[in-house]
Amino acid sequence: MDYEAKDWELNPHLYLQDNEGNFVKNKDGTPRKKGGRPPKDAQDAARRTITRKQKNIQKLEQKLNNAKKSFKKQKTNT
């Protein structure tokens, strides 16, 4: 008979623990999960924000370079 590991054994960081490190139990005796979104979502959101801002910077730099080229062409034509 194979032993199936429980989720709280594989991922103890997802479950509430008291000061001594013991799991806080539900009424049925299973460990209670932590509430709210996992902290990884905050990291992903920060990463997405940084990526979006970097793309905006690249777009603005491209616009600036195009404007400089256009200005040089106008300057040489006159």
Protein backbone atom coordinates (compact mmCIF):
# COMPACT_ATOMS: atom_id res chain seq x y z
CA MET A 1 0.00 0.00 0.00
CA ASP A 2 1.46 3.33 -1.09
CA TYR A 3 1.58 6.25 1.33
CA GLU A 4 -0.11 9.39 -0.01
CA ALA A 5 1.35 12.57 1.43
CA LYS A 6 -1.23 15.09 2.62
CA ASP A 7 -1.23 18.62 1.25
CA TRP A 8 -0.26 20.11 4.63
CA GLU A 9 2.76 17.80 4.72
CA LEU A 10 3.88 18.89 1.25
CA ASN A 11 3.03 22.60 1.62
CA PRO A 12 3.04 23.53 5.33
CA HIS A 13 3.55 27.22 4.48
CA LEU A 14 -0.05 27.35 3.17
CA TYR A 15 -1.54 26.43 6.57
CA LEU A 16 -2.05 28.44 9.78
CA GLN A 17 0.35 27.63 12.61
CA ASP A 18 0.40 28.75 16.23
CA ASN A 19 3.43 30.22 18.05
CA GLU A 20 4.84 26.77 18.72
CA GLY A 21 4.64 25.77 15.06
CA ASN A 22 1.66 23.43 15.45
CA PHE A 23 -1.13 23.56 12.90
CA VAL A 24 -4.37 25.32 13.87
CA LYS A 25 -7.11 22.72 13.38
CA ASN A 26 -10.56 22.89 11.79
CA LYS A 27 -13.55 21.31 13.53
CA ASP A 28 -12.95 18.07 11.65
CA GLY A 29 -9.33 17.92 12.83
CA THR A 30 -7.61 18.86 9.58
CA PRO A 31 -5.19 21.82 9.48
CA ARG A 32 -6.72 25.19 8.64
CA LYS A 33 -5.55 26.96 5.49
CA LYS A 34 -4.34 30.56 5.56
CA GLY A 35 -6.85 33.10 4.28
CA GLY A 36 -6.41 35.57 1.45
CA ARG A 37 -4.41 35.41 -1.71
CA PRO A 38 -0.99 33.81 -1.66
CA PRO A 39 1.92 36.26 -1.51
CA LYS A 40 3.16 35.09 -4.91
CA ASP A 41 0.33 37.06 -6.54
CA ALA A 42 1.79 40.28 -5.14
CA GLN A 43 5.16 39.41 -6.62
CA ASP A 44 3.60 38.68 -10.00
CA ALA A 45 1.70 41.96 -9.92
CA ALA A 46 4.90 43.87 -9.14
CA ARG A 47 6.71 42.05 -11.95
CA ARG A 48 3.90 42.88 -14.40
CA THR A 49 4.00 46.54 -13.35
CA ILE A 50 7.74 46.74 -13.92
CA THR A 51 7.47 45.02 -17.30
CA ARG A 52 4.65 47.34 -18.39
CA LYS A 53 6.62 50.43 -17.37
CA GLN A 54 9.73 49.18 -19.18
CA LYS A 55 7.68 48.70 -22.35
CA ASN A 56 6.28 52.21 -22.00
CA ILE A 57 9.82 53.59 -21.64
CA GLN A 58 10.89 51.75 -24.80
CA LYS A 59 7.90 53.13 -26.72
CA LEU A 60 8.67 56.68 -25.58
CA GLU A 61 12.36 56.31 -26.46
CA GLN A 62 11.37 55.09 -29.93
CA LYS A 63 9.05 58.08 -30.38
CA LEU A 64 11.84 60.41 -29.28
CA ASN A 65 14.31 58.85 -31.72
CA ASN A 66 11.79 59.12 -34.55
CA ALA A 67 11.16 62.78 -33.71
CA LYS A 68 14.92 63.47 -33.69
CA LYS A 69 15.31 61.84 -37.11
CA SER A 70 12.39 63.80 -38.48
CA PHE A 71 13.81 67.03 -37.09
CA LYS A 72 17.24 66.36 -38.64
CA LYS A 73 15.62 65.69 -42.03
CA GLN A 74 13.68 68.95 -41.84
CA LYS A 75 16.78 70.83 -40.75
CA THR A 76 18.89 69.51 -43.64
CA ASN A 77 16.15 70.22 -46.21
CA THR A 78 15.94 73.91 -45.31
